[in-house]
């Protein structure tokens, strides 16, 4: 005895499986084009983005900062920040600073940039007559935002760091 399936039913199931497989392939391919770390949900951590920028930075005479330093320098609170990477000069006679801040809400980037600009103005006044070489670094700073990320750099490598930041978020 031979059991036959209805031809319409078998074709419908095969078409459904083919559609599901095609959707899975498209999902995998588009996820690979996002420029974000796999599994990051479209939002890489500041540390993950920093690892892509890091090769352009000279951190030899810098020290890593914490939340207290972030608040002191830029008046940025923990409530605003998802995570961040901060490096400052090891001496107060140097102007070097690097900050990569991932905000909880990208809409806050304008206000955060304004507070960093206030810090830049204070640094400009501090170094202008006292340390001309450091003043020149402050004047050539980089301050930019992309999505939830705000990037600030006072460094001899500021241009290279900005380029690395932009490449990291492509």
N, C-alpha and C. Protein backbone atom coordinates (compact mmCIF):
# COMPACT_ATOMS: atom_id res chain seq x y z
N UNK A 1 0.83 -1.16 0.00
CA UNK A 1 0.00 0.00 0.00
C UNK A 1 0.89 1.24 0.00
N UNK A 2 0.62 2.16 -0.82
CA UNK A 2 1.38 3.40 -0.95
C UNK A 2 0.56 4.54 -0.38
N UNK A 3 1.25 5.33 0.45
CA UNK A 3 0.57 6.52 1.00
C UNK A 3 1.09 7.72 0.22
N UNK A 4 0.18 8.49 -0.26
CA UNK A 4 0.54 9.68 -1.01
C UNK A 4 0.15 10.93 -0.24
N UNK A 5 1.04 11.88 -0.29
CA UNK A 5 0.70 13.19 0.28
C UNK A 5 0.08 14.04 -0.81
N UNK A 6 -0.72 14.96 -0.36
CA UNK A 6 -1.27 15.91 -1.31
C UNK A 6 -0.15 16.78 -1.84
N UNK A 7 -0.10 16.94 -3.12
CA UNK A 7 0.97 17.71 -3.73
C UNK A 7 0.98 19.16 -3.26
N UNK A 8 -0.11 19.79 -3.05
CA UNK A 8 -0.18 21.18 -2.63
C UNK A 8 0.43 21.37 -1.24
N UNK A 9 0.17 20.44 -0.34
CA UNK A 9 0.68 20.56 1.02
C UNK A 9 2.20 20.48 1.05
N UNK A 10 2.81 19.56 0.38
CA UNK A 10 4.25 19.38 0.37
C UNK A 10 4.97 20.57 -0.22
N UNK A 11 4.43 21.12 -1.28
CA UNK A 11 5.03 22.29 -1.91
C UNK A 11 4.95 23.50 -1.01
N UNK A 12 3.85 23.67 -0.33
CA UNK A 12 3.68 24.81 0.57
C UNK A 12 4.69 24.76 1.71
N UNK A 13 4.94 23.58 2.25
CA UNK A 13 5.90 23.43 3.36
C UNK A 13 7.31 23.69 2.85
N UNK A 14 7.64 23.21 1.68
CA UNK A 14 8.96 23.45 1.11
C UNK A 14 9.19 24.92 0.83
N UNK A 15 8.18 25.59 0.32
CA UNK A 15 8.28 27.03 0.04
C UNK A 15 8.47 27.81 1.35
N UNK A 16 7.76 27.40 2.39
CA UNK A 16 7.88 28.07 3.68
C UNK A 16 9.29 27.89 4.24
N UNK A 17 9.82 26.67 4.16
CA UNK A 17 11.19 26.42 4.64
C UNK A 17 12.21 27.21 3.83
N UNK A 18 12.02 27.32 2.53
CA UNK A 18 12.92 28.09 1.68
C UNK A 18 12.86 29.58 2.05
N UNK A 19 11.66 30.07 2.33
CA UNK A 19 11.51 31.47 2.73
C UNK A 19 12.20 31.73 4.07
N UNK A 20 12.05 30.84 5.03
CA UNK A 20 12.69 30.99 6.33
C UNK A 20 14.21 30.96 6.17
N UNK A 21 14.73 30.06 5.36
CA UNK A 21 16.18 29.98 5.13
C UNK A 21 16.69 31.26 4.48
N UNK A 22 15.96 31.79 3.52
CA UNK A 22 16.37 33.02 2.84
C UNK A 22 16.38 34.19 3.82
N UNK A 23 15.39 34.26 4.69
CA UNK A 23 15.33 35.33 5.68
C UNK A 23 16.51 35.22 6.65
N UNK A 24 16.89 34.01 7.02
CA UNK A 24 18.02 33.81 7.92
C UNK A 24 19.32 34.28 7.27
N UNK A 25 19.50 33.96 5.99
CA UNK A 25 20.70 34.39 5.26
C UNK A 25 20.76 35.91 5.19
N UNK A 26 19.64 36.55 4.89
CA UNK A 26 19.60 38.01 4.80
C UNK A 26 19.93 38.63 6.16
N UNK A 27 19.39 38.08 7.23
CA UNK A 27 19.66 38.60 8.58
C UNK A 27 21.15 38.51 8.91
N UNK A 28 21.77 37.39 8.56
CA UNK A 28 23.20 37.21 8.84
C UNK A 28 24.02 38.19 8.02
N UNK A 29 23.70 38.35 6.74
CA UNK A 29 24.45 39.26 5.88
C UNK A 29 24.31 40.71 6.30
N UNK A 30 23.12 41.16 6.65
CA UNK A 30 22.96 42.55 7.05
C UNK A 30 23.59 42.81 8.41
N UNK A 31 23.60 41.85 9.29
CA UNK A 31 24.26 42.02 10.59
C UNK A 31 25.76 42.18 10.38
N UNK A 32 26.31 41.51 9.41
CA UNK A 32 27.74 41.61 9.13
C UNK A 32 28.14 42.94 8.55
N UNK A 33 27.20 43.71 8.02
CA UNK A 33 27.49 44.99 7.41
C UNK A 33 27.28 46.17 8.35
N UNK A 34 26.94 45.94 9.58
CA UNK A 34 26.57 47.03 10.47
C UNK A 34 27.75 47.83 10.97
N UNK A 35 28.97 47.27 10.98
CA UNK A 35 30.12 47.97 11.48
C UNK A 35 30.25 47.90 13.00
N UNK A 36 29.33 47.26 13.65
CA UNK A 36 29.37 47.11 15.10
C UNK A 36 29.89 45.73 15.44
N UNK A 37 30.27 45.58 16.67
CA UNK A 37 30.74 44.28 17.13
C UNK A 37 29.60 43.28 17.05
N UNK A 38 29.86 42.03 16.67
CA UNK A 38 28.81 41.03 16.65
C UNK A 38 28.22 40.90 18.05
N UNK A 39 26.90 40.81 18.10
CA UNK A 39 26.24 40.62 19.38
C UNK A 39 26.13 41.89 20.20
N UNK A 40 26.47 43.03 19.63
CA UNK A 40 26.42 44.28 20.39
C UNK A 40 25.06 44.92 20.34
N UNK A 41 24.13 44.33 19.57
CA UNK A 41 22.82 44.93 19.48
C UNK A 41 22.84 46.29 18.79
N UNK A 42 23.86 46.54 17.94
CA UNK A 42 23.96 47.80 17.24
C UNK A 42 24.60 48.89 18.07
N UNK A 43 25.03 48.56 19.27
CA UNK A 43 25.63 49.57 20.14
C UNK A 43 26.85 48.96 20.82
N UNK A 44 27.99 49.18 20.21
CA UNK A 44 29.23 48.70 20.81
C UNK A 44 29.52 49.51 22.07
N UNK A 45 30.12 48.89 23.04
CA UNK A 45 30.50 49.62 24.25
C UNK A 45 31.61 50.62 23.91
N UNK A 46 31.80 51.57 24.81
CA UNK A 46 32.88 52.53 24.62
C UNK A 46 34.22 51.80 24.56
N UNK A 47 34.37 50.76 25.38
CA UNK A 47 35.63 50.00 25.39
C UNK A 47 35.86 49.31 24.05
N UNK A 48 34.79 48.78 23.43
CA UNK A 48 34.92 48.12 22.13
C UNK A 48 35.31 49.12 21.04
N UNK A 49 34.69 50.29 21.06
CA UNK A 49 35.04 51.33 20.08
C UNK A 49 36.46 51.82 20.36
N UNK A 50 36.80 51.99 21.64
CA UNK A 50 38.14 52.46 22.02
C UNK A 50 39.22 51.52 21.50
N UNK A 51 38.98 50.23 21.54
CA UNK A 51 39.98 49.27 21.06
C UNK A 51 40.29 49.47 19.59
N UNK A 52 39.34 50.00 18.82
CA UNK A 52 39.57 50.29 17.41
C UNK A 52 40.32 51.61 17.22
N UNK A 53 40.17 52.52 18.18
CA UNK A 53 40.83 53.83 18.12
C UNK A 53 42.23 53.76 18.71
N UNK A 54 42.41 52.95 19.72
CA UNK A 54 43.61 52.86 20.55
C UNK A 54 44.93 52.88 19.78
N UNK A 55 45.07 52.18 18.65
CA UNK A 55 46.36 52.18 17.96
C UNK A 55 46.84 53.58 17.53
N UNK A 56 45.92 54.53 17.39
CA UNK A 56 46.30 55.88 16.97
C UNK A 56 46.72 56.76 18.16
N UNK A 57 46.56 56.26 19.38
CA UNK A 57 46.80 57.08 20.57
C UNK A 57 48.16 56.78 21.20
N UNK A 58 48.78 57.82 21.71
CA UNK A 58 50.01 57.68 22.50
C UNK A 58 49.63 57.93 23.95
N UNK A 59 49.54 56.87 24.74
CA UNK A 59 49.09 56.97 26.13
C UNK A 59 50.25 56.89 27.12
N UNK A 60 51.47 56.99 26.62
CA UNK A 60 52.65 56.77 27.45
C UNK A 60 52.68 57.68 28.68
N UNK A 61 52.34 58.94 28.53
CA UNK A 61 52.38 59.87 29.67
C UNK A 61 50.98 60.24 30.14
N UNK A 62 50.05 59.31 30.02
CA UNK A 62 48.67 59.57 30.42
C UNK A 62 48.21 58.55 31.45
N UNK A 63 47.18 58.91 32.19
CA UNK A 63 46.61 57.99 33.16
C UNK A 63 45.11 57.87 32.90
N UNK A 64 44.58 56.70 33.22
CA UNK A 64 43.17 56.44 32.99
C UNK A 64 42.34 57.13 34.07
N UNK A 65 41.24 57.75 33.64
CA UNK A 65 40.35 58.45 34.56
C UNK A 65 39.13 57.62 34.91
N UNK A 66 38.45 58.05 35.96
CA UNK A 66 37.24 57.36 36.43
C UNK A 66 36.05 58.31 36.39
N UNK A 67 34.92 57.86 36.94
CA UNK A 67 33.71 58.66 36.95
C UNK A 67 33.86 59.98 37.69
N UNK A 68 34.64 59.98 38.76
CA UNK A 68 34.88 61.22 39.50
C UNK A 68 35.62 62.24 38.63
N UNK A 69 36.58 61.77 37.87
CA UNK A 69 37.35 62.65 36.99
C UNK A 69 36.46 63.17 35.85
N UNK A 70 35.60 62.32 35.33
CA UNK A 70 34.66 62.72 34.28
C UNK A 70 33.74 63.83 34.78
N UNK A 71 33.27 63.68 35.99
CA UNK A 71 32.41 64.70 36.61
C UNK A 71 33.20 65.99 36.86
N UNK A 72 34.40 65.87 37.40
CA UNK A 72 35.22 67.03 37.72
C UNK A 72 35.59 67.85 36.47
N UNK A 73 36.02 67.16 35.43
CA UNK A 73 36.47 67.85 34.22
C UNK A 73 35.34 68.42 33.38
N UNK A 74 34.28 67.62 33.18
CA UNK A 74 33.26 67.96 32.19
C UNK A 74 31.85 68.13 32.76
N UNK A 75 31.69 67.94 34.07
CA UNK A 75 30.36 68.01 34.70
C UNK A 75 29.39 67.01 34.08
N UNK A 76 29.89 65.84 33.74
CA UNK A 76 29.05 64.77 33.17
C UNK A 76 28.81 63.75 34.27
N UNK A 77 27.54 63.47 34.53
CA UNK A 77 27.18 62.57 35.62
C UNK A 77 27.00 61.14 35.13
N UNK A 78 27.05 60.22 36.06
CA UNK A 78 26.87 58.79 35.75
C UNK A 78 25.48 58.52 35.19
N UNK A 79 24.49 59.34 35.53
CA UNK A 79 23.13 59.16 35.02
C UNK A 79 23.04 59.35 33.52
N UNK A 80 23.95 60.11 32.95
CA UNK A 80 23.93 60.41 31.52
C UNK A 80 24.71 59.40 30.69
N UNK A 81 25.60 58.68 31.34
CA UNK A 81 26.59 57.88 30.62
C UNK A 81 26.31 56.39 30.73
N UNK A 82 26.35 55.74 29.57
CA UNK A 82 26.27 54.27 29.54
C UNK A 82 27.61 53.70 29.97
N UNK A 83 28.67 54.18 29.33
CA UNK A 83 30.04 53.83 29.69
C UNK A 83 30.99 54.80 29.01
N UNK A 84 32.26 54.77 29.38
CA UNK A 84 33.20 55.74 28.83
C UNK A 84 34.63 55.22 29.00
N UNK A 85 35.52 55.86 28.25
CA UNK A 85 36.96 55.67 28.38
C UNK A 85 37.54 57.07 28.50
N UNK A 86 38.38 57.29 29.51
CA UNK A 86 38.95 58.60 29.75
C UNK A 86 40.42 58.48 30.10
N UNK A 87 41.24 59.27 29.42
CA UNK A 87 42.66 59.37 29.74
C UNK A 87 43.01 60.84 29.87
N UNK A 88 43.80 61.18 30.88
CA UNK A 88 44.24 62.56 31.08
C UNK A 88 45.75 62.57 31.27
N UNK A 89 46.31 63.75 31.12
CA UNK A 89 47.75 63.91 31.32
C UNK A 89 48.11 63.55 32.76
N UNK A 90 49.28 62.98 32.95
CA UNK A 90 49.71 62.58 34.29
C UNK A 90 50.17 63.79 35.11
N UNK A 91 50.30 64.95 34.46
CA UNK A 91 50.75 66.17 35.13
C UNK A 91 49.80 67.31 34.75
N UNK A 92 49.58 68.24 35.67
CA UNK A 92 48.67 69.34 35.36
C UNK A 92 49.31 70.42 34.48
N UNK A 93 50.56 70.24 34.10
CA UNK A 93 51.19 71.17 33.17
C UNK A 93 51.11 70.68 31.72
N UNK A 94 50.41 69.57 31.53
CA UNK A 94 50.18 69.02 30.20
C UNK A 94 48.69 69.10 29.88
N UNK A 95 48.34 69.26 28.63
CA UNK A 95 46.95 69.43 28.22
C UNK A 95 46.31 68.16 27.67
N UNK A 96 47.09 67.12 27.42
CA UNK A 96 46.57 65.93 26.75
C UNK A 96 45.36 65.33 27.47
N UNK A 97 44.31 65.04 26.69
CA UNK A 97 43.10 64.39 27.19
C UNK A 97 42.47 63.59 26.07
N UNK A 98 41.92 62.47 26.42
CA UNK A 98 41.14 61.65 25.49
C UNK A 98 39.91 61.17 26.22
N UNK A 99 38.75 61.41 25.63
CA UNK A 99 37.51 60.94 26.23
C UNK A 99 36.62 60.36 25.14
N UNK A 100 36.15 59.16 25.35
CA UNK A 100 35.15 58.53 24.49
C UNK A 100 33.99 58.18 25.40
N UNK A 101 32.88 58.83 25.19
CA UNK A 101 31.73 58.69 26.07
C UNK A 101 30.56 58.13 25.28
N UNK A 102 29.99 57.05 25.78
CA UNK A 102 28.77 56.50 25.19
C UNK A 102 27.61 56.91 26.10
N UNK A 103 26.75 57.74 25.56
CA UNK A 103 25.63 58.28 26.33
C UNK A 103 24.46 57.31 26.36
N UNK A 104 23.66 57.41 27.38
CA UNK A 104 22.45 56.60 27.46
C UNK A 104 21.44 57.06 26.41
N UNK A 105 21.47 58.35 26.09
CA UNK A 105 20.54 58.93 25.12
C UNK A 105 21.33 59.83 24.17
N UNK A 106 21.34 59.50 22.89
CA UNK A 106 22.10 60.27 21.90
C UNK A 106 21.64 61.73 21.85
N UNK A 107 20.41 62.01 22.27
CA UNK A 107 19.90 63.38 22.26
C UNK A 107 20.64 64.27 23.26
N UNK A 108 21.37 63.68 24.18
CA UNK A 108 22.12 64.45 25.17
C UNK A 108 23.47 64.93 24.65
N UNK A 109 23.85 64.51 23.45
CA UNK A 109 25.20 64.82 22.97
C UNK A 109 25.45 66.32 22.85
N UNK A 110 24.47 67.10 22.47
CA UNK A 110 24.66 68.54 22.36
C UNK A 110 25.00 69.18 23.70
N UNK A 111 24.27 68.80 24.75
CA UNK A 111 24.55 69.34 26.08
C UNK A 111 25.89 68.90 26.62
N UNK A 112 26.25 67.65 26.35
CA UNK A 112 27.55 67.14 26.78
C UNK A 112 28.67 67.86 26.05
N UNK A 113 28.51 68.09 24.76
CA UNK A 113 29.52 68.82 24.01
C UNK A 113 29.67 70.25 24.53
N UNK A 114 28.57 70.88 24.92
CA UNK A 114 28.64 72.24 25.48
C UNK A 114 29.46 72.25 26.77
N UNK A 115 29.27 71.26 27.63
CA UNK A 115 30.03 71.20 28.88
C UNK A 115 31.51 70.93 28.62
N UNK A 116 31.81 70.11 27.62
CA UNK A 116 33.21 69.88 27.26
C UNK A 116 33.81 71.17 26.71
N UNK A 117 33.02 71.94 25.95
CA UNK A 117 33.51 73.23 25.43
C UNK A 117 33.83 74.18 26.57
N UNK A 118 33.06 74.15 27.64
CA UNK A 118 33.38 74.99 28.81
C UNK A 118 34.73 74.59 29.40
N UNK A 119 34.98 73.30 29.44
CA UNK A 119 36.27 72.80 29.91
C UNK A 119 37.40 73.27 28.98
N UNK A 120 37.15 73.21 27.68
CA UNK A 120 38.16 73.66 26.70
C UNK A 120 38.47 75.13 26.91
N UNK A 121 37.46 75.94 27.15
CA UNK A 121 37.67 77.37 27.40
C UNK A 121 38.53 77.58 28.65
N UNK A 122 38.27 76.81 29.69
CA UNK A 122 39.07 76.92 30.91
C UNK A 122 40.52 76.51 30.64
N UNK A 123 40.71 75.44 29.88
CA UNK A 123 42.06 74.98 29.55
C UNK A 123 42.78 76.02 28.67
N UNK A 124 42.05 76.64 27.77
CA UNK A 124 42.63 77.67 26.91
C UNK A 124 43.16 78.81 27.76
N UNK A 125 42.35 79.28 28.71
CA UNK A 125 42.78 80.37 29.59
C UNK A 125 43.97 79.94 30.45
N UNK A 126 43.97 78.70 30.89
CA UNK A 126 45.04 78.19 31.76
C UNK A 126 46.38 78.15 31.04
N UNK A 127 46.37 77.68 29.79
CA UNK A 127 47.63 77.44 29.09
C UNK A 127 48.07 78.58 28.18
N UNK A 128 47.20 79.50 27.85
CA UNK A 128 47.49 80.51 26.83
C UNK A 128 48.83 81.22 27.06
N UNK A 129 49.03 81.79 28.23
CA UNK A 129 50.27 82.53 28.49
C UNK A 129 51.31 81.70 29.23
N UNK A 130 50.86 80.62 29.84
CA UNK A 130 51.72 79.81 30.70
C UNK A 130 52.51 78.75 29.92
N UNK A 131 51.83 78.03 29.04
CA UNK A 131 52.45 76.94 28.29
C UNK A 131 51.98 77.00 26.82
N UNK A 132 52.64 77.79 25.99
CA UNK A 132 52.19 77.97 24.61
C UNK A 132 52.06 76.68 23.80
N UNK A 133 52.95 75.73 24.01
CA UNK A 133 52.87 74.47 23.26
C UNK A 133 51.60 73.69 23.63
N UNK A 134 51.27 73.70 24.91
CA UNK A 134 50.05 73.01 25.37
C UNK A 134 48.81 73.77 24.90
N UNK A 135 48.89 75.09 24.91
CA UNK A 135 47.81 75.92 24.41
C UNK A 135 47.50 75.57 22.95
N UNK A 136 48.53 75.37 22.16
CA UNK A 136 48.35 75.02 20.74
C UNK A 136 47.62 73.68 20.61
N UNK A 137 47.91 72.73 21.50
CA UNK A 137 47.20 71.45 21.47
C UNK A 137 45.72 71.64 21.79
N UNK A 138 45.44 72.45 22.79
CA UNK A 138 44.05 72.70 23.18
C UNK A 138 43.30 73.36 22.03
N UNK A 139 43.94 74.30 21.38
CA UNK A 139 43.32 75.00 20.26
C UNK A 139 42.98 74.05 19.10
N UNK A 140 43.77 72.99 18.92
CA UNK A 140 43.56 72.05 17.82
C UNK A 140 42.81 70.80 18.27
N UNK A 141 42.04 70.92 19.33
CA UNK A 141 41.30 69.78 19.88
C UNK A 141 40.30 69.23 18.86
N UNK A 142 39.83 68.03 19.14
CA UNK A 142 38.76 67.40 18.37
C UNK A 142 37.61 67.16 19.33
N UNK A 143 36.42 67.59 18.94
CA UNK A 143 35.21 67.33 19.71
C UNK A 143 34.12 67.01 18.71
N UNK A 144 33.67 65.77 18.72
CA UNK A 144 32.68 65.33 17.74
C UNK A 144 31.73 64.32 18.37
N UNK A 145 30.59 64.16 17.76
CA UNK A 145 29.60 63.20 18.24
C UNK A 145 29.05 62.42 17.05
N UNK A 146 28.77 61.16 17.32
CA UNK A 146 28.18 60.29 16.30
C UNK A 146 27.27 59.31 17.04
N UNK A 147 25.96 59.44 16.82
CA UNK A 147 25.01 58.60 17.56
C UNK A 147 25.14 58.87 19.04
N UNK A 148 25.24 57.82 19.85
CA UNK A 148 25.35 58.03 21.30
C UNK A 148 26.78 58.30 21.77
N UNK A 149 27.73 58.38 20.85
CA UNK A 149 29.15 58.54 21.21
C UNK A 149 29.59 60.00 21.08
N UNK A 150 30.31 60.47 22.10
CA UNK A 150 30.97 61.78 22.04
C UNK A 150 32.46 61.50 22.19
N UNK A 151 33.24 62.08 21.29
CA UNK A 151 34.68 61.87 21.31
C UNK A 151 35.39 63.21 21.45
N UNK A 152 36.33 63.28 22.39
CA UNK A 152 37.09 64.50 22.65
C UNK A 152 38.56 64.13 22.74
N UNK A 153 39.41 64.90 22.03
CA UNK A 153 40.85 64.63 22.06
C UNK A 153 41.64 65.93 22.03
N UNK A 154 42.57 66.03 22.97
CA UNK A 154 43.60 67.06 22.96
C UNK A 154 44.90 66.27 22.91
N UNK A 155 45.54 66.30 21.75
CA UNK A 155 46.69 65.43 21.54
C UNK A 155 47.43 65.87 20.27
N UNK A 156 48.71 65.53 20.21
CA UNK A 156 49.46 65.75 18.97
C UNK A 156 48.87 64.90 17.85
N UNK A 157 48.23 63.80 18.20
CA UNK A 157 47.63 62.90 17.22
C UNK A 157 46.13 63.15 17.05
N UNK A 158 45.63 64.33 17.37
CA UNK A 158 44.19 64.61 17.35
C UNK A 158 43.54 64.26 16.01
N UNK A 159 44.17 64.64 14.91
CA UNK A 159 43.60 64.35 13.59
C UNK A 159 43.51 62.86 13.33
N UNK A 160 44.57 62.12 13.66
CA UNK A 160 44.58 60.67 13.47
C UNK A 160 43.54 60.00 14.37
N UNK A 161 43.39 60.51 15.59
CA UNK A 161 42.40 59.96 16.52
C UNK A 161 40.99 60.20 16.01
N UNK A 162 40.73 61.37 15.47
CA UNK A 162 39.41 61.65 14.91
C UNK A 162 39.10 60.72 13.74
N UNK A 163 40.09 60.53 12.89
CA UNK A 163 39.92 59.62 11.75
C UNK A 163 39.65 58.19 12.24
N UNK A 164 40.38 57.76 13.25
CA UNK A 164 40.19 56.42 13.82
C UNK A 164 38.79 56.29 14.45
N UNK A 165 38.32 57.33 15.11
CA UNK A 165 36.98 57.34 15.69
C UNK A 165 35.94 57.17 14.58
N UNK A 166 36.07 57.96 13.52
CA UNK A 166 35.11 57.86 12.41
C UNK A 166 35.14 56.49 11.76
N UNK A 167 36.33 55.93 11.59
CA UNK A 167 36.46 54.59 11.00
C UNK A 167 35.85 53.52 11.91
N UNK A 168 36.03 53.69 13.21
CA UNK A 168 35.52 52.71 14.18
C UNK A 168 34.01 52.62 14.16
N UNK A 169 33.34 53.69 13.77
CA UNK A 169 31.87 53.71 13.80
C UNK A 169 31.24 53.59 12.43
N UNK A 170 32.02 53.21 11.43
CA UNK A 170 31.46 53.02 10.09
C UNK A 170 30.60 51.79 10.07
